[in-house]
């Protein structure tokens, strides 16, 4: 309670900096509920930022690549124009410090439309909401990424949690396929 009161007092003094303080507090809460170490959480953020920066510098708007890192395991999703570009994107990410595994799920073809991306966002939100209602696992232990109706699940879970998460995700509206990219603790 003291911390919340202190944040409110400090935020009043910082005025324009309140969003930064609130974002920092939100990240702290997320880290506290996450099964990754705080170091892995921070490294995942750095991996994602470095990957997006390097891919952007190399390819600009010629590709649509999403980079998701969870416990140093990286999921590449989106669209690239050809196999060569797909391999180059993977090499860029492989050269980032602390990357352990790369799941290259990039597809060859035209970039997805805004409508398709919006639909994927809706599917992700629906899956996450259904996770909150399920009592077999904590919704905060599973990261959800959706691309063209395919739901990718990442996290540090036991097998029962993984199966439950996949079951919930597969029963969600609009999901065409579920891919489990979990690390197992049992």
N, C-alpha and C. Protein backbone atom coordinates (compact mmCIF):
# COMPACT_ATOMS: atom_id res chain seq x y z
N UNK A 1 0.82 -1.18 0.00
CA UNK A 1 0.00 0.00 0.00
C UNK A 1 0.87 1.25 0.00
N UNK A 2 1.97 1.19 0.77
CA UNK A 2 2.88 2.34 0.81
C UNK A 2 3.46 2.64 -0.56
N UNK A 3 3.76 1.57 -1.31
CA UNK A 3 4.35 1.76 -2.64
C UNK A 3 3.37 2.46 -3.56
N UNK A 4 2.12 2.06 -3.51
CA UNK A 4 1.10 2.70 -4.35
C UNK A 4 0.96 4.17 -3.98
N UNK A 5 0.92 4.46 -2.68
CA UNK A 5 0.82 5.84 -2.23
C UNK A 5 2.04 6.63 -2.67
N UNK A 6 3.21 6.05 -2.54
CA UNK A 6 4.44 6.71 -2.97
C UNK A 6 4.41 7.00 -4.47
N UNK A 7 3.96 6.03 -5.26
CA UNK A 7 3.86 6.24 -6.71
C UNK A 7 2.91 7.38 -7.04
N UNK A 8 1.80 7.47 -6.31
CA UNK A 8 0.85 8.55 -6.57
C UNK A 8 1.46 9.91 -6.24
N UNK A 9 2.18 9.98 -5.12
CA UNK A 9 2.81 11.24 -4.74
C UNK A 9 3.89 11.62 -5.75
N UNK A 10 4.74 10.66 -6.09
CA UNK A 10 5.82 10.94 -7.05
C UNK A 10 5.24 11.29 -8.41
N UNK A 11 4.18 10.61 -8.81
CA UNK A 11 3.59 10.91 -10.12
C UNK A 11 3.03 12.32 -10.17
N UNK A 12 2.53 12.81 -9.05
CA UNK A 12 2.06 14.19 -8.99
C UNK A 12 3.19 15.18 -9.18
N UNK A 13 4.35 14.82 -8.68
CA UNK A 13 5.52 15.69 -8.83
C UNK A 13 6.08 15.63 -10.24
N UNK A 14 5.96 14.47 -10.88
CA UNK A 14 6.52 14.29 -12.21
C UNK A 14 5.56 14.69 -13.32
N UNK A 15 4.31 14.86 -13.02
CA UNK A 15 3.23 15.23 -13.94
C UNK A 15 3.32 14.47 -15.26
N UNK A 16 4.00 15.00 -16.26
CA UNK A 16 4.05 14.40 -17.59
C UNK A 16 4.71 13.03 -17.62
N UNK A 17 5.38 12.66 -16.57
CA UNK A 17 6.08 11.37 -16.54
C UNK A 17 5.22 10.25 -15.97
N UNK A 18 3.98 10.54 -15.59
CA UNK A 18 3.14 9.51 -14.98
C UNK A 18 3.01 8.26 -15.84
N UNK A 19 2.79 8.39 -17.18
CA UNK A 19 2.69 7.15 -17.98
C UNK A 19 3.92 6.27 -17.87
N UNK A 20 5.09 6.89 -17.75
CA UNK A 20 6.33 6.13 -17.62
C UNK A 20 6.34 5.38 -16.29
N UNK A 21 5.96 6.06 -15.22
CA UNK A 21 5.91 5.43 -13.90
C UNK A 21 4.88 4.30 -13.90
N UNK A 22 3.70 4.57 -14.47
CA UNK A 22 2.65 3.55 -14.51
C UNK A 22 3.09 2.36 -15.34
N UNK A 23 3.73 2.60 -16.47
CA UNK A 23 4.20 1.50 -17.31
C UNK A 23 5.24 0.68 -16.58
N UNK A 24 6.13 1.34 -15.86
CA UNK A 24 7.15 0.63 -15.09
C UNK A 24 6.53 -0.21 -14.00
N UNK A 25 5.53 0.33 -13.33
CA UNK A 25 4.83 -0.42 -12.29
C UNK A 25 4.11 -1.62 -12.89
N UNK A 26 3.49 -1.43 -14.06
CA UNK A 26 2.79 -2.51 -14.74
C UNK A 26 3.73 -3.62 -15.13
N UNK A 27 4.91 -3.25 -15.62
CA UNK A 27 5.91 -4.25 -16.00
C UNK A 27 6.36 -5.03 -14.77
N UNK A 28 6.50 -4.34 -13.64
CA UNK A 28 6.90 -5.01 -12.41
C UNK A 28 5.87 -6.03 -11.97
N UNK A 29 4.60 -5.68 -12.08
CA UNK A 29 3.53 -6.62 -11.73
C UNK A 29 3.57 -7.83 -12.66
N UNK A 30 3.76 -7.59 -13.96
CA UNK A 30 3.81 -8.69 -14.92
C UNK A 30 5.00 -9.61 -14.61
N UNK A 31 6.15 -9.04 -14.29
CA UNK A 31 7.31 -9.86 -13.97
C UNK A 31 7.07 -10.70 -12.72
N UNK A 32 6.37 -10.14 -11.75
CA UNK A 32 6.12 -10.87 -10.50
C UNK A 32 5.24 -12.09 -10.74
N UNK A 33 4.36 -12.03 -11.74
CA UNK A 33 3.46 -13.13 -12.02
C UNK A 33 4.01 -14.09 -13.08
N UNK A 34 5.13 -13.77 -13.65
CA UNK A 34 5.71 -14.54 -14.75
C UNK A 34 6.62 -15.62 -14.19
N UNK A 35 6.70 -16.76 -14.87
CA UNK A 35 7.58 -17.85 -14.43
C UNK A 35 9.02 -17.65 -14.90
N UNK A 36 9.24 -16.71 -15.78
CA UNK A 36 10.61 -16.42 -16.20
C UNK A 36 11.30 -15.63 -15.08
N UNK A 37 12.61 -15.71 -15.06
CA UNK A 37 13.35 -14.86 -14.13
C UNK A 37 13.22 -13.42 -14.62
N UNK A 38 13.45 -12.47 -13.75
CA UNK A 38 13.38 -11.06 -14.18
C UNK A 38 14.43 -10.79 -15.24
N UNK A 39 15.58 -11.45 -15.15
CA UNK A 39 16.62 -11.29 -16.16
C UNK A 39 16.16 -11.80 -17.52
N UNK A 40 15.50 -12.96 -17.55
CA UNK A 40 14.99 -13.51 -18.81
C UNK A 40 13.90 -12.61 -19.39
N UNK A 41 13.04 -12.08 -18.53
CA UNK A 41 11.98 -11.17 -18.96
C UNK A 41 12.58 -9.95 -19.66
N UNK A 42 13.58 -9.37 -19.05
CA UNK A 42 14.24 -8.18 -19.63
C UNK A 42 14.98 -8.55 -20.91
N UNK A 43 15.66 -9.70 -20.91
CA UNK A 43 16.36 -10.15 -22.12
C UNK A 43 15.39 -10.40 -23.26
N UNK A 44 14.21 -10.94 -22.96
CA UNK A 44 13.20 -11.17 -24.00
C UNK A 44 12.78 -9.84 -24.65
N UNK A 45 12.59 -8.83 -23.83
CA UNK A 45 12.24 -7.51 -24.37
C UNK A 45 13.37 -7.00 -25.26
N UNK A 46 14.60 -7.16 -24.81
CA UNK A 46 15.75 -6.70 -25.59
C UNK A 46 15.88 -7.47 -26.90
N UNK A 47 15.67 -8.78 -26.85
CA UNK A 47 15.73 -9.61 -28.07
C UNK A 47 14.69 -9.13 -29.08
N UNK A 48 13.46 -8.93 -28.62
CA UNK A 48 12.40 -8.48 -29.52
C UNK A 48 12.74 -7.13 -30.15
N UNK A 49 13.21 -6.20 -29.32
CA UNK A 49 13.54 -4.85 -29.83
C UNK A 49 14.70 -4.88 -30.82
N UNK A 50 15.75 -5.63 -30.49
CA UNK A 50 16.90 -5.73 -31.40
C UNK A 50 16.50 -6.40 -32.70
N UNK A 51 15.72 -7.46 -32.62
CA UNK A 51 15.29 -8.17 -33.83
C UNK A 51 14.47 -7.26 -34.74
N UNK A 52 13.51 -6.57 -34.18
CA UNK A 52 12.66 -5.71 -35.00
C UNK A 52 13.48 -4.56 -35.61
N UNK A 53 14.41 -4.03 -34.86
CA UNK A 53 15.27 -2.96 -35.37
C UNK A 53 16.13 -3.47 -36.53
N UNK A 54 16.78 -4.60 -36.34
CA UNK A 54 17.68 -5.15 -37.37
C UNK A 54 16.92 -5.60 -38.61
N UNK A 55 15.77 -6.23 -38.41
CA UNK A 55 14.96 -6.66 -39.56
C UNK A 55 14.44 -5.45 -40.31
N UNK A 56 14.01 -4.44 -39.57
CA UNK A 56 13.51 -3.21 -40.19
C UNK A 56 14.58 -2.51 -41.01
N UNK A 57 15.80 -2.45 -40.47
CA UNK A 57 16.90 -1.81 -41.20
C UNK A 57 17.26 -2.59 -42.46
N UNK A 58 17.18 -3.90 -42.39
CA UNK A 58 17.56 -4.74 -43.53
C UNK A 58 16.49 -4.77 -44.62
N UNK A 59 15.21 -4.86 -44.20
CA UNK A 59 14.15 -5.11 -45.19
C UNK A 59 13.09 -4.01 -45.29
N UNK A 60 13.04 -3.10 -44.33
CA UNK A 60 12.04 -2.04 -44.37
C UNK A 60 10.63 -2.60 -44.43
N UNK A 61 9.83 -2.04 -45.33
CA UNK A 61 8.43 -2.48 -45.43
C UNK A 61 8.24 -3.62 -46.44
N UNK A 62 9.31 -4.27 -46.84
CA UNK A 62 9.22 -5.40 -47.78
C UNK A 62 8.77 -6.69 -47.11
N UNK A 63 8.79 -6.68 -45.77
CA UNK A 63 8.38 -7.86 -45.01
C UNK A 63 7.42 -7.44 -43.90
N UNK A 64 6.66 -8.40 -43.42
CA UNK A 64 5.84 -8.23 -42.22
C UNK A 64 6.25 -9.34 -41.26
N UNK A 65 7.11 -8.99 -40.30
CA UNK A 65 7.64 -9.99 -39.38
C UNK A 65 7.31 -9.59 -37.95
N UNK A 66 6.75 -10.53 -37.22
CA UNK A 66 6.52 -10.37 -35.78
C UNK A 66 7.55 -11.22 -35.06
N UNK A 67 8.18 -10.65 -34.06
CA UNK A 67 9.18 -11.36 -33.27
C UNK A 67 8.68 -11.44 -31.84
N UNK A 68 8.53 -12.66 -31.34
CA UNK A 68 8.07 -12.86 -29.98
C UNK A 68 9.10 -13.73 -29.26
N UNK A 69 9.63 -13.20 -28.17
CA UNK A 69 10.62 -13.94 -27.40
C UNK A 69 10.05 -14.31 -26.04
N UNK A 70 10.18 -15.57 -25.66
CA UNK A 70 9.75 -16.02 -24.35
C UNK A 70 10.82 -16.95 -23.80
N UNK A 71 11.45 -16.50 -22.73
CA UNK A 71 12.54 -17.23 -22.09
C UNK A 71 13.65 -17.55 -23.10
N UNK A 72 13.92 -16.57 -23.95
CA UNK A 72 15.00 -16.59 -24.96
C UNK A 72 14.69 -17.51 -26.14
N UNK A 73 13.47 -18.01 -26.22
CA UNK A 73 13.01 -18.80 -27.37
C UNK A 73 12.21 -17.84 -28.25
N UNK A 74 12.57 -17.74 -29.52
CA UNK A 74 12.00 -16.72 -30.39
C UNK A 74 11.09 -17.34 -31.44
N UNK A 75 9.88 -16.78 -31.53
CA UNK A 75 8.93 -17.14 -32.57
C UNK A 75 8.96 -16.06 -33.64
N UNK A 76 9.20 -16.45 -34.87
CA UNK A 76 9.11 -15.54 -36.01
C UNK A 76 7.83 -15.88 -36.75
N UNK A 77 6.94 -14.91 -36.86
CA UNK A 77 5.69 -15.12 -37.60
C UNK A 77 5.47 -13.93 -38.52
N UNK A 78 4.64 -14.13 -39.52
CA UNK A 78 4.38 -13.08 -40.49
C UNK A 78 4.66 -13.56 -41.90
N UNK A 79 4.91 -12.61 -42.79
CA UNK A 79 5.08 -12.95 -44.20
C UNK A 79 6.34 -12.32 -44.77
N UNK A 80 7.01 -13.07 -45.61
CA UNK A 80 8.18 -12.60 -46.34
C UNK A 80 8.01 -13.01 -47.81
N UNK A 81 8.70 -12.32 -48.74
CA UNK A 81 8.46 -12.59 -50.16
C UNK A 81 9.03 -13.91 -50.70
N UNK A 82 10.09 -14.46 -50.05
CA UNK A 82 10.71 -15.67 -50.61
C UNK A 82 11.51 -16.41 -49.56
N UNK A 83 11.96 -17.61 -49.91
CA UNK A 83 12.73 -18.47 -48.99
C UNK A 83 14.04 -17.82 -48.56
N UNK A 84 14.69 -17.12 -49.46
CA UNK A 84 15.95 -16.46 -49.15
C UNK A 84 15.75 -15.43 -48.04
N UNK A 85 14.71 -14.63 -48.16
CA UNK A 85 14.42 -13.61 -47.14
C UNK A 85 14.08 -14.28 -45.81
N UNK A 86 13.34 -15.37 -45.87
CA UNK A 86 12.98 -16.11 -44.66
C UNK A 86 14.25 -16.58 -43.94
N UNK A 87 15.20 -17.11 -44.68
CA UNK A 87 16.47 -17.56 -44.10
C UNK A 87 17.29 -16.39 -43.57
N UNK A 88 17.30 -15.27 -44.28
CA UNK A 88 18.04 -14.10 -43.83
C UNK A 88 17.47 -13.55 -42.52
N UNK A 89 16.15 -13.51 -42.41
CA UNK A 89 15.53 -13.04 -41.18
C UNK A 89 15.93 -13.95 -40.01
N UNK A 90 15.91 -15.25 -40.24
CA UNK A 90 16.30 -16.18 -39.18
C UNK A 90 17.76 -15.97 -38.78
N UNK A 91 18.65 -15.74 -39.75
CA UNK A 91 20.07 -15.50 -39.43
C UNK A 91 20.24 -14.21 -38.63
N UNK A 92 19.49 -13.18 -38.98
CA UNK A 92 19.56 -11.92 -38.23
C UNK A 92 19.24 -12.17 -36.76
N UNK A 93 18.17 -12.92 -36.52
CA UNK A 93 17.75 -13.18 -35.14
C UNK A 93 18.71 -14.13 -34.43
N UNK A 94 19.25 -15.10 -35.15
CA UNK A 94 20.19 -16.05 -34.56
C UNK A 94 21.46 -15.35 -34.07
N UNK A 95 21.79 -14.21 -34.67
CA UNK A 95 23.00 -13.47 -34.27
C UNK A 95 22.78 -12.51 -33.11
N UNK A 96 21.60 -12.53 -32.52
CA UNK A 96 21.32 -11.70 -31.35
C UNK A 96 21.73 -12.46 -30.10
N UNK A 97 22.45 -11.79 -29.23
CA UNK A 97 22.94 -12.38 -27.99
C UNK A 97 21.78 -12.95 -27.16
N UNK A 98 21.97 -14.13 -26.62
CA UNK A 98 21.06 -14.83 -25.70
C UNK A 98 19.90 -15.56 -26.36
N UNK A 99 19.78 -15.54 -27.68
CA UNK A 99 18.72 -16.31 -28.34
C UNK A 99 19.09 -17.78 -28.27
N UNK A 100 18.18 -18.60 -27.72
CA UNK A 100 18.45 -20.04 -27.58
C UNK A 100 17.87 -20.85 -28.73
N UNK A 101 16.58 -20.62 -29.04
CA UNK A 101 15.87 -21.40 -30.04
C UNK A 101 15.09 -20.44 -30.92
N UNK A 102 15.00 -20.76 -32.21
CA UNK A 102 14.18 -19.96 -33.13
C UNK A 102 13.14 -20.88 -33.76
N UNK A 103 11.89 -20.48 -33.64
CA UNK A 103 10.78 -21.16 -34.32
C UNK A 103 10.41 -20.28 -35.51
N UNK A 104 10.86 -20.67 -36.69
CA UNK A 104 10.64 -19.85 -37.87
C UNK A 104 9.33 -20.26 -38.54
N UNK A 105 8.27 -19.55 -38.21
CA UNK A 105 6.93 -19.83 -38.75
C UNK A 105 6.54 -18.78 -39.80
N UNK A 106 7.55 -18.13 -40.39
CA UNK A 106 7.27 -17.15 -41.45
C UNK A 106 6.69 -17.86 -42.66
N UNK A 107 5.72 -17.24 -43.31
CA UNK A 107 5.16 -17.81 -44.52
C UNK A 107 5.63 -17.00 -45.72
N UNK A 108 5.69 -17.66 -46.86
CA UNK A 108 6.11 -17.02 -48.10
C UNK A 108 4.85 -16.50 -48.79
N UNK A 109 4.85 -15.22 -49.09
CA UNK A 109 3.69 -14.67 -49.79
C UNK A 109 3.52 -13.19 -49.52
N UNK A 110 2.39 -12.67 -49.97
CA UNK A 110 2.08 -11.26 -49.78
C UNK A 110 1.82 -10.97 -48.31
N UNK A 111 2.05 -9.73 -47.92
CA UNK A 111 1.81 -9.33 -46.54
C UNK A 111 0.33 -9.38 -46.23
N UNK A 112 0.02 -9.77 -45.01
CA UNK A 112 -1.37 -9.87 -44.59
C UNK A 112 -2.02 -8.50 -44.58
N UNK A 113 -3.32 -8.50 -44.78
CA UNK A 113 -4.08 -7.24 -44.81
C UNK A 113 -4.36 -6.76 -43.39
N UNK A 114 -4.77 -5.51 -43.29
CA UNK A 114 -5.15 -4.95 -42.00
C UNK A 114 -6.33 -5.73 -41.42
N UNK A 115 -7.24 -6.15 -42.27
CA UNK A 115 -8.39 -6.94 -41.83
C UNK A 115 -7.93 -8.26 -41.22
N UNK A 116 -6.99 -8.93 -41.88
CA UNK A 116 -6.48 -10.21 -41.37
C UNK A 116 -5.77 -10.01 -40.03
N UNK A 117 -4.97 -8.97 -39.92
CA UNK A 117 -4.25 -8.70 -38.67
C UNK A 117 -5.22 -8.36 -37.55
N UNK A 118 -6.26 -7.61 -37.88
CA UNK A 118 -7.27 -7.26 -36.88
C UNK A 118 -8.00 -8.51 -36.41
N UNK A 119 -8.30 -9.41 -37.33
CA UNK A 119 -8.95 -10.67 -36.97
C UNK A 119 -8.05 -11.49 -36.05
N UNK A 120 -6.75 -11.52 -36.35
CA UNK A 120 -5.81 -12.25 -35.49
C UNK A 120 -5.76 -11.64 -34.08
N UNK A 121 -5.81 -10.33 -34.01
CA UNK A 121 -5.82 -9.64 -32.72
C UNK A 121 -7.07 -10.02 -31.93
N UNK A 122 -8.18 -10.07 -32.61
CA UNK A 122 -9.44 -10.46 -31.98
C UNK A 122 -9.37 -11.90 -31.47
N UNK A 123 -8.81 -12.78 -32.28
CA UNK A 123 -8.66 -14.19 -31.86
C UNK A 123 -7.77 -14.26 -30.62
N UNK A 124 -6.64 -13.55 -30.63
CA UNK A 124 -5.75 -13.55 -29.46
C UNK A 124 -6.48 -13.08 -28.21
N UNK A 125 -7.23 -11.99 -28.34
CA UNK A 125 -7.98 -11.46 -27.19
C UNK A 125 -9.00 -12.47 -26.69
N UNK A 126 -9.69 -13.12 -27.61
CA UNK A 126 -10.69 -14.11 -27.24
C UNK A 126 -10.05 -15.29 -26.50
N UNK A 127 -8.92 -15.76 -27.01
CA UNK A 127 -8.22 -16.87 -26.35
C UNK A 127 -7.78 -16.46 -24.95
N UNK A 128 -7.21 -15.28 -24.81
CA UNK A 128 -6.75 -14.81 -23.49
C UNK A 128 -7.92 -14.69 -22.51
N UNK A 129 -9.06 -14.17 -22.99
CA UNK A 129 -10.23 -14.06 -22.12
C UNK A 129 -10.71 -15.44 -21.67
N UNK A 130 -10.68 -16.40 -22.57
CA UNK A 130 -11.08 -17.76 -22.21
C UNK A 130 -10.08 -18.39 -21.24
N UNK A 131 -8.80 -18.01 -21.34
CA UNK A 131 -7.79 -18.50 -20.40
C UNK A 131 -8.12 -18.03 -18.98
N UNK A 132 -8.55 -16.78 -18.85
CA UNK A 132 -8.86 -16.23 -17.53
C UNK A 132 -9.98 -17.03 -16.87
N UNK A 133 -10.94 -17.48 -17.67
CA UNK A 133 -12.07 -18.24 -17.13
C UNK A 133 -11.70 -19.67 -16.75
N UNK A 134 -10.63 -20.21 -17.32
CA UNK A 134 -10.25 -21.59 -17.07
C UNK A 134 -9.47 -21.68 -15.76
N UNK A 135 -9.82 -22.62 -14.92
CA UNK A 135 -9.20 -22.75 -13.60
C UNK A 135 -8.05 -23.75 -13.56
N UNK A 136 -7.71 -24.36 -14.70
CA UNK A 136 -6.67 -25.40 -14.70
C UNK A 136 -5.26 -24.84 -14.80
N UNK A 137 -5.14 -23.56 -15.15
CA UNK A 137 -3.83 -22.93 -15.25
C UNK A 137 -4.02 -21.42 -15.13
N UNK A 138 -2.93 -20.75 -14.83
CA UNK A 138 -2.98 -19.29 -14.72
C UNK A 138 -2.79 -18.68 -16.11
N UNK A 139 -3.66 -17.76 -16.46
CA UNK A 139 -3.59 -17.12 -17.77
C UNK A 139 -2.28 -16.37 -17.98
N UNK A 140 -1.62 -15.99 -16.91
CA UNK A 140 -0.38 -15.23 -17.04
C UNK A 140 0.82 -16.11 -17.41
N UNK A 141 0.64 -17.42 -17.37
CA UNK A 141 1.77 -18.31 -17.68
C UNK A 141 1.87 -18.65 -19.17
N UNK A 142 0.88 -18.24 -19.97
CA UNK A 142 0.87 -18.59 -21.39
C UNK A 142 0.79 -17.34 -22.25
N UNK A 143 1.75 -17.22 -23.15
CA UNK A 143 1.76 -16.12 -24.12
C UNK A 143 1.08 -16.60 -25.39
N UNK A 144 0.21 -15.76 -25.96
CA UNK A 144 -0.57 -16.13 -27.13
C UNK A 144 -0.20 -15.22 -28.30
N UNK A 145 0.12 -15.81 -29.43
CA UNK A 145 0.39 -15.08 -30.67
C UNK A 145 -0.45 -15.72 -31.76
N UNK A 146 -1.15 -14.91 -32.54
CA UNK A 146 -1.99 -15.44 -33.61
C UNK A 146 -1.56 -14.87 -34.95
N UNK A 147 -1.46 -15.74 -35.94
CA UNK A 147 -1.10 -15.35 -37.30
C UNK A 147 -1.94 -16.18 -38.27
N UNK A 148 -2.77 -15.52 -39.07
CA UNK A 148 -3.65 -16.20 -40.04
C UNK A 148 -4.51 -17.29 -39.38
N UNK A 149 -4.98 -17.03 -38.18
CA UNK A 149 -5.84 -17.99 -37.49
C UNK A 149 -5.10 -19.09 -36.76
N UNK A 150 -3.80 -19.16 -36.93
CA UNK A 150 -3.00 -20.14 -36.20
C UNK A 150 -2.56 -19.51 -34.88
N UNK A 151 -2.85 -20.18 -33.79
CA UNK A 151 -2.50 -19.68 -32.46
C UNK A 151 -1.25 -20.40 -31.99
N UNK A 152 -0.23 -19.61 -31.66
CA UNK A 152 1.02 -20.13 -31.10
C UNK A 152 0.99 -19.88 -29.60
N UNK A 153 1.30 -20.90 -28.82
CA UNK A 153 1.30 -20.80 -27.36
C UNK A 153 2.72 -20.98 -26.86
N UNK A 154 3.16 -20.03 -26.04
CA UNK A 154 4.51 -20.08 -25.46
C UNK A 154 4.39 -19.93 -23.95
N UNK A 155 5.34 -20.49 -23.24
CA UNK A 155 5.35 -20.33 -21.80
C UNK A 155 6.15 -21.44 -21.14
N UNK A 156 6.24 -21.31 -19.84
CA UNK A 156 6.90 -22.33 -19.01
C UNK A 156 5.78 -22.99 -18.22
N UNK A 157 5.44 -24.22 -18.58
CA UNK A 157 4.26 -24.89 -18.03
C UNK A 157 4.54 -26.37 -17.79
N UNK A 158 3.65 -27.01 -17.05
CA UNK A 158 3.71 -28.46 -16.98
C UNK A 158 2.81 -29.02 -18.08
N UNK A 159 2.87 -30.33 -18.29
CA UNK A 159 2.12 -30.93 -19.41
C UNK A 159 0.60 -30.75 -19.27
N UNK A 160 0.09 -30.82 -18.05
CA UNK A 160 -1.35 -30.66 -17.84
C UNK A 160 -1.78 -29.24 -18.21
N UNK A 161 -0.97 -28.25 -17.82
CA UNK A 161 -1.28 -26.86 -18.17
C UNK A 161 -1.22 -26.65 -19.68
N UNK A 162 -0.23 -27.25 -20.32
CA UNK A 162 -0.08 -27.12 -21.78
C UNK A 162 -1.28 -27.72 -22.49
N UNK A 163 -1.69 -28.89 -22.06
CA UNK A 163 -2.85 -29.54 -22.69
C UNK A 163 -4.12 -28.72 -22.48
N UNK A 164 -4.29 -28.19 -21.29
CA UNK A 164 -5.48 -27.38 -21.00
C UNK A 164 -5.47 -26.10 -21.84
N UNK A 165 -4.33 -25.45 -21.93
CA UNK A 165 -4.23 -24.22 -22.73
C UNK A 165 -4.53 -24.49 -24.20
N UNK A 166 -3.98 -25.59 -24.72
CA UNK A 166 -4.23 -25.94 -26.12
C UNK A 166 -5.70 -26.28 -26.35
N UNK A 167 -6.31 -26.94 -25.39
CA UNK A 167 -7.73 -27.28 -25.50
C UNK A 167 -8.60 -26.01 -25.53
N UNK A 168 -8.31 -25.10 -24.62
CA UNK A 168 -9.07 -23.84 -24.57
C UNK A 168 -8.86 -23.05 -25.86
N UNK A 169 -7.61 -22.95 -26.29
CA UNK A 169 -7.32 -22.18 -27.51
C UNK A 169 -8.00 -22.80 -28.73
N UNK A 170 -7.94 -24.10 -28.86
CA UNK A 170 -8.51 -24.76 -30.04
C UNK A 170 -10.03 -24.63 -30.09
N UNK A 171 -10.66 -24.46 -28.94
CA UNK A 171 -12.11 -24.28 -28.90
C UNK A 171 -12.56 -22.85 -29.06
N UNK A 172 -11.62 -21.95 -29.29
CA UNK A 172 -11.94 -20.53 -29.43
C UNK A 172 -12.36 -20.20 -30.86
N UNK A 173 -13.25 -19.25 -30.98
CA UNK A 173 -13.78 -18.86 -32.29
C UNK A 173 -12.67 -18.33 -33.20
N UNK A 174 -12.64 -18.84 -34.43
CA UNK A 174 -11.71 -18.36 -35.44
C UNK A 174 -10.37 -19.06 -35.48
N UNK A 175 -10.10 -19.94 -34.52
CA UNK A 175 -8.81 -20.63 -34.46
C UNK A 175 -8.81 -21.79 -35.45
N UNK A 176 -7.84 -21.79 -36.35
CA UNK A 176 -7.76 -22.87 -37.32
C UNK A 176 -6.76 -23.95 -36.90
N UNK A 177 -5.77 -23.54 -36.09
CA UNK A 177 -4.72 -24.49 -35.68
C UNK A 177 -4.06 -23.95 -34.43
N UNK A 178 -3.59 -24.84 -33.56
CA UNK A 178 -2.86 -24.45 -32.35
C UNK A 178 -1.49 -25.11 -32.38
N UNK A 179 -0.45 -24.31 -32.13
CA UNK A 179 0.93 -24.82 -32.11
C UNK A 179 1.49 -24.55 -30.72
N UNK A 180 1.90 -25.63 -30.04
CA UNK A 180 2.47 -25.50 -28.69
C UNK A 180 3.99 -25.35 -28.80
N UNK A 181 4.51 -24.25 -28.28
CA UNK A 181 5.95 -23.99 -28.25
C UNK A 181 6.41 -23.82 -26.80
N UNK A 182 5.95 -24.69 -25.95
CA UNK A 182 6.18 -24.58 -24.52
C UNK A 182 7.53 -25.14 -24.08
N UNK A 183 7.96 -24.65 -22.93
CA UNK A 183 9.03 -25.29 -22.15
C UNK A 183 8.33 -25.99 -21.01
N UNK A 184 8.68 -27.25 -20.77
CA UNK A 184 7.98 -28.02 -19.74
C UNK A 184 8.81 -28.11 -18.47
N UNK A 185 8.10 -28.00 -17.33
CA UNK A 185 8.77 -28.05 -16.03
C UNK A 185 8.52 -29.35 -15.30
N UNK A 186 7.80 -30.28 -15.89
CA UNK A 186 7.58 -31.56 -15.20
C UNK A 186 8.18 -32.72 -15.95
